[in-house]
C-alpha atoms as a PDB file:
ATOM      1  CA  MET A   1    -160.545 147.211 -57.814  1.00  0.00           C
ATOM      2  CA  ILE A   2    -157.836 146.033 -55.302  1.00  0.00           C
ATOM      3  CA  LEU A   3    -159.697 143.731 -52.450  1.00  0.00           C
ATOM      4  CA  ALA A   4    -157.790 142.682 -49.185  1.00  0.00           C
ATOM      5  CA  SER A   5    -159.899 141.586 -46.246  1.00  0.00           C
ATOM      6  CA  VAL A   6    -159.027 141.916 -43.057  1.00  0.00           C
ATOM      7  CA  SER A   7    -159.885 138.376 -40.909  1.00  0.00           C
ATOM      8  CA  LEU A   8    -160.764 138.802 -37.720  1.00  0.00           C
ATOM      9  CA  SER A   9    -162.857 136.195 -35.596  1.00  0.00           C
ATOM     10  CA  SER A  10    -165.859 137.782 -34.430  1.00  0.00           C
ATOM     11  CA  CYS A  11    -169.590 136.246 -34.677  1.00  0.00           C
ATOM     12  CA  SER A  12    -170.839 139.304 -36.969  1.00  0.00           C
ATOM     13  CA  TYR A  13    -167.686 140.292 -38.289  1.00  0.00           C
ATOM     14  CA  GLU A  14    -167.822 141.234 -41.660  1.00  0.00           C
ATOM     15  CA  ASN A  15    -164.558 141.636 -43.953  1.00  0.00           C
ATOM     16  CA  VAL A  16    -163.081 145.183 -44.462  1.00  0.00           C
ATOM     17  CA  GLU A  17    -161.859 145.811 -47.743  1.00  0.00           C
ATOM     18  CA  MET A  18    -159.745 147.957 -49.462  1.00  0.00           C
ATOM     19  CA  MET A  19    -161.277 149.367 -52.268  1.00  0.00           C
ATOM     20  CA  GLU A  20    -158.613 151.431 -54.156  1.00  0.00           C
ATOM     21  CA  VAL A  21    -155.400 153.024 -53.393  1.00  0.00           C
ATOM     22  CA  SER A  22    -155.892 156.617 -54.780  1.00  0.00           C
ATOM     23  CA  ASP A  23    -152.875 158.844 -54.123  1.00  0.00           C
ATOM     24  CA  VAL A  24    -149.242 157.916 -53.518  1.00  0.00           C
ATOM     25  CA  LYS A  25    -147.019 160.841 -52.336  1.00  0.00           C
ATOM     26  CA  ILE A  26    -143.490 160.802 -51.701  1.00  0.00           C
ATOM     27  CA  HIS A  27    -142.259 163.140 -49.129  1.00  0.00           C
ATOM     28  CA  LYS A  28    -138.717 162.551 -48.719  1.00  0.00           C
ATOM     29  CA  PHE A  29    -136.134 160.347 -50.861  1.00  0.00           C
ATOM     30  CA  ASP A  30    -132.738 160.697 -50.076  1.00  0.00           C
ATOM     31  CA  THR A  31    -129.621 158.058 -50.082  1.00  0.00           C
ATOM     32  CA  LYS A  32    -130.760 156.412 -46.655  1.00  0.00           C
ATOM     33  CA  GLY A  33    -134.332 155.877 -47.449  1.00  0.00           C
ATOM     34  CA  ILE A  34    -137.695 157.054 -48.910  1.00  0.00           C
ATOM     35  CA  GLU A  35    -140.822 158.111 -46.862  1.00  0.00           C
ATOM     36  CA  PHE A  36    -144.043 158.566 -48.614  1.00  0.00           C
ATOM     37  CA  THR A  37    -147.900 158.394 -47.813  1.00  0.00           C
ATOM     38  CA  ALA A  38    -150.627 156.465 -49.456  1.00  0.00           C
ATOM     39  CA  LYS A  39    -154.655 157.454 -49.294  1.00  0.00           C
ATOM     40  CA  MET A  40    -156.644 154.388 -49.448  1.00  0.00           C
ATOM     41  CA  ARG A  41    -160.552 153.791 -49.525  1.00  0.00           C
ATOM     42  CA  VAL A  42    -161.613 151.439 -47.455  1.00  0.00           C
ATOM     43  CA  GLU A  43    -164.897 150.187 -46.369  1.00  0.00           C
ATOM     44  CA  ASN A  44    -165.439 148.919 -42.944  1.00  0.00           C
ATOM     45  CA  PRO A  45    -169.272 147.425 -42.453  1.00  0.00           C
ATOM     46  CA  ASN A  46    -168.365 146.594 -38.756  1.00  0.00           C
ATOM     47  CA  ALA A  47    -169.852 147.928 -35.941  1.00  0.00           C
ATOM     48  CA  TYR A  48    -166.537 148.707 -34.052  1.00  0.00           C
ATOM     49  CA  LYS A  49    -163.242 150.418 -35.512  1.00  0.00           C
ATOM     50  CA  ILE A  50    -160.023 148.351 -36.815  1.00  0.00           C
ATOM     51  CA  GLN A  51    -156.502 149.412 -36.643  1.00  0.00           C
ATOM     52  CA  ILE A  52    -154.038 148.793 -38.983  1.00  0.00           C
ATOM     53  CA  VAL A  53    -150.862 148.043 -36.327  1.00  0.00           C
ATOM     54  CA  SER A  54    -148.006 146.993 -38.485  1.00  0.00           C
ATOM     55  CA  THR A  55    -146.228 146.235 -41.697  1.00  0.00           C
ATOM     56  CA  ASP A  56    -143.978 143.108 -42.822  1.00  0.00           C
ATOM     57  CA  ALA A  57    -143.610 143.895 -46.341  1.00  0.00           C
ATOM     58  CA  ASP A  58    -140.645 144.587 -48.927  1.00  0.00           C
ATOM     59  CA  LEU A  59    -140.879 147.909 -50.611  1.00  0.00           C
ATOM     60  CA  TYR A  60    -139.372 147.609 -54.375  1.00  0.00           C
ATOM     61  CA  LEU A  61    -138.423 150.576 -55.914  1.00  0.00           C
ATOM     62  CA  SER A  62    -138.286 150.547 -59.949  1.00  0.00           C
ATOM     63  CA  GLY A  63    -137.901 146.940 -60.118  1.00  0.00           C
ATOM     64  CA  LYS A  64    -135.024 147.087 -57.421  1.00  0.00           C
ATOM     65  CA  HIS A  65    -135.457 145.808 -53.605  1.00  0.00           C
ATOM     66  CA  ALA A  66    -135.283 148.729 -51.618  1.00  0.00           C
ATOM     67  CA  GLY A  67    -135.718 147.419 -47.839  1.00  0.00           C
ATOM     68  CA  LYS A  68    -138.395 146.705 -45.310  1.00  0.00           C
ATOM     69  CA  ALA A  69    -141.598 149.032 -45.568  1.00  0.00           C
ATOM     70  CA  LYS A  70    -142.168 150.005 -41.826  1.00  0.00           C
ATOM     71  CA  LEU A  71    -145.522 151.911 -40.719  1.00  0.00           C
ATOM     72  CA  ILE A  72    -144.889 154.949 -39.296  1.00  0.00           C
ATOM     73  CA  ASP A  73    -148.349 155.807 -37.550  1.00  0.00           C
ATOM     74  CA  LYS A  74    -151.297 153.102 -37.005  1.00  0.00           C
ATOM     75  CA  VAL A  75    -153.817 153.226 -39.565  1.00  0.00           C
ATOM     76  CA  LEU A  76    -157.517 153.717 -37.584  1.00  0.00           C
ATOM     77  CA  ILE A  77    -160.512 152.706 -39.688  1.00  0.00           C
ATOM     78  CA  PRO A  78    -163.447 153.758 -37.937  1.00  0.00           C
ATOM     79  CA  ALA A  79    -166.873 151.669 -37.763  1.00  0.00           C
ATOM     80  CA  ASN A  80    -169.414 151.729 -40.443  1.00  0.00           C
ATOM     81  CA  PHE A  81    -166.810 153.537 -42.952  1.00  0.00           C
ATOM     82  CA  ASN A  82    -166.537 153.650 -46.547  1.00  0.00           C
ATOM     83  CA  ASP A  83    -164.208 156.681 -47.006  1.00  0.00           C
ATOM     84  CA  ILE A  84    -160.428 157.485 -47.301  1.00  0.00           C
ATOM     85  CA  VAL A  85    -157.651 157.023 -44.970  1.00  0.00           C
ATOM     86  CA  GLU A  86    -154.073 157.944 -44.889  1.00  0.00           C
ATOM     87  CA  ALA A  87    -150.872 155.745 -44.095  1.00  0.00           C
ATOM     88  CA  HIS A  88    -147.475 157.085 -43.624  1.00  0.00           C
ATOM     89  CA  ILE A  89    -144.814 155.078 -44.554  1.00  0.00           C
ATOM     90  CA  ARG A  90    -140.590 154.698 -44.410  1.00  0.00           C
ATOM     91  CA  THR A  91    -138.136 152.514 -45.805  1.00  0.00           C
ATOM     92  CA  ASP A  92    -134.561 152.389 -45.137  1.00  0.00           C
ATOM     93  CA  PHE A  93    -132.455 151.159 -47.944  1.00  0.00           C
ATOM     94  CA  ASN A  94    -130.817 147.792 -46.982  1.00  0.00           C
ATOM     95  CA  GLU A  95    -128.515 147.874 -49.234  1.00  0.00           C
ATOM     96  CA  GLY A  96    -126.838 151.030 -48.867  1.00  0.00           C
ATOM     97  CA  SER A  97    -126.722 154.476 -50.659  1.00  0.00           C
ATOM     98  CA  LEU A  98    -124.293 153.465 -53.253  1.00  0.00           C
ATOM     99  CA  SER A  99    -126.372 150.886 -54.867  1.00  0.00           C
ATOM    100  CA  MET A 100    -129.206 152.896 -54.698  1.00  0.00           C
ATOM    101  CA  LEU A 101    -127.623 155.946 -56.179  1.00  0.00           C
ATOM    102  CA  PRO A 102    -128.087 155.365 -59.857  1.00  0.00           C
ATOM    103  CA  LEU A 103    -131.979 155.050 -59.061  1.00  0.00           C
ATOM    104  CA  ILE A 104    -131.885 157.977 -57.081  1.00  0.00           C
ATOM    105  CA  LEU A 105    -130.421 160.080 -59.867  1.00  0.00           C
ATOM    106  CA  GLY A 106    -132.872 158.819 -62.117  1.00  0.00           C
ATOM    107  CA  VAL A 107    -135.817 159.647 -60.302  1.00  0.00           C
ATOM    108  CA  ALA A 108    -134.458 163.202 -59.664  1.00  0.00           C
ATOM    109  CA  MET A 109    -134.099 163.884 -63.136  1.00  0.00           C
ATOM    110  CA  SER A 110    -137.839 162.095 -63.948  1.00  0.00           C
ATOM    111  CA  GLN A 111    -139.351 162.868 -61.136  1.00  0.00           C
ATOM    112  CA  LYS A 112    -141.226 159.721 -61.004  1.00  0.00           C
ATOM    113  CA  LEU A 113    -140.790 156.426 -59.325  1.00  0.00           C
ATOM    114  CA  GLU A 114    -142.142 152.944 -59.749  1.00  0.00           C
ATOM    115  CA  LEU A 115    -143.420 151.897 -56.171  1.00  0.00           C
ATOM    116  CA  ARG A 116    -144.273 148.248 -55.255  1.00  0.00           C
ATOM    117  CA  ALA A 117    -145.039 146.709 -51.882  1.00  0.00           C
ATOM    118  CA  THR A 118    -145.789 143.446 -51.246  1.00  0.00           C
ATOM    119  CA  GLY A 119    -146.221 141.516 -47.897  1.00  0.00           C
ATOM    120  CA  LYS A 120    -148.287 141.540 -44.841  1.00  0.00           C
ATOM    121  CA  VAL A 121    -150.428 143.838 -42.843  1.00  0.00           C
ATOM    122  CA  ARG A 122    -151.420 143.021 -38.788  1.00  0.00           C
ATOM    123  CA  ALA A 123    -154.533 144.550 -38.068  1.00  0.00           C
ATOM    124  CA  LYS A 124    -156.505 144.743 -34.705  1.00  0.00           C
ATOM    125  CA  SER A 125    -159.618 145.160 -33.181  1.00  0.00           C
ATOM    126  CA  PHE A 126    -159.793 145.150 -29.573  1.00  0.00           C
ATOM    127  CA  LEU A 127    -157.526 141.991 -28.302  1.00  0.00           C
ATOM    128  CA  ILE A 128    -158.302 140.238 -31.594  1.00  0.00           C
ATOM    129  CA  GLY A 129    -155.777 140.812 -34.326  1.00  0.00           C
ATOM    130  CA  ARG A 130    -154.644 138.626 -37.868  1.00  0.00           C
ATOM    131  CA  ASN A 131    -152.383 139.691 -40.376  1.00  0.00           C
ATOM    132  CA  PHE A 132    -153.274 139.544 -44.431  1.00  0.00           C
ATOM    133  CA  ASP A 133    -151.545 139.970 -47.606  1.00  0.00           C
ATOM    134  CA  PHE A 134    -151.128 142.363 -50.010  1.00  0.00           C
ATOM    135  CA  ASP A 135    -149.491 143.445 -53.076  1.00  0.00           C
ATOM    136  CA  TYR A 136    -149.591 146.924 -54.810  1.00  0.00           C
ATOM    137  CA  SER A 137    -148.041 148.728 -57.326  1.00  0.00           C
ATOM    138  CA  HIS A 138    -148.239 152.374 -58.132  1.00  0.00           C
ATOM    139  CA  GLU A 139    -146.055 155.102 -59.979  1.00  0.00           C
ATOM    140  CA  GLY A 140    -145.579 158.038 -57.510  1.00  0.00           C
ATOM    141  CA  SER A 141    -144.235 161.659 -58.283  1.00  0.00           C
ATOM    142  CA  PHE A 142    -142.574 164.255 -56.382  1.00  0.00           C
END
């Protein structure tokens, strides 16, 4: 079970937990970068919504640093929620396409890729916001 808590300052605040990542789907993988979605089961026991607004994360593909993972769309976690949310993420390769070519060719043949993201997520509710750390690995397929 993966646990991540958003520590927003409030008298009646309870931790929001990411229980698991159930599905990672790679939508685009080319010489410029990778784009994928991740479905996450989260529990927000609070009476107000929480919004994930940005990431400051490094993405690794099969152990090789690929670049910074950027959240394409904000992720809304409704109030009193215990279900699946989806995050849409894009990473532009930071070392250029030539250094990633062997990896791209290998993925094209196997149709599988080990993804690892590590860093911080920025969460907000009303005007209050905080960062929380995460480290997640998953084997994705096309």
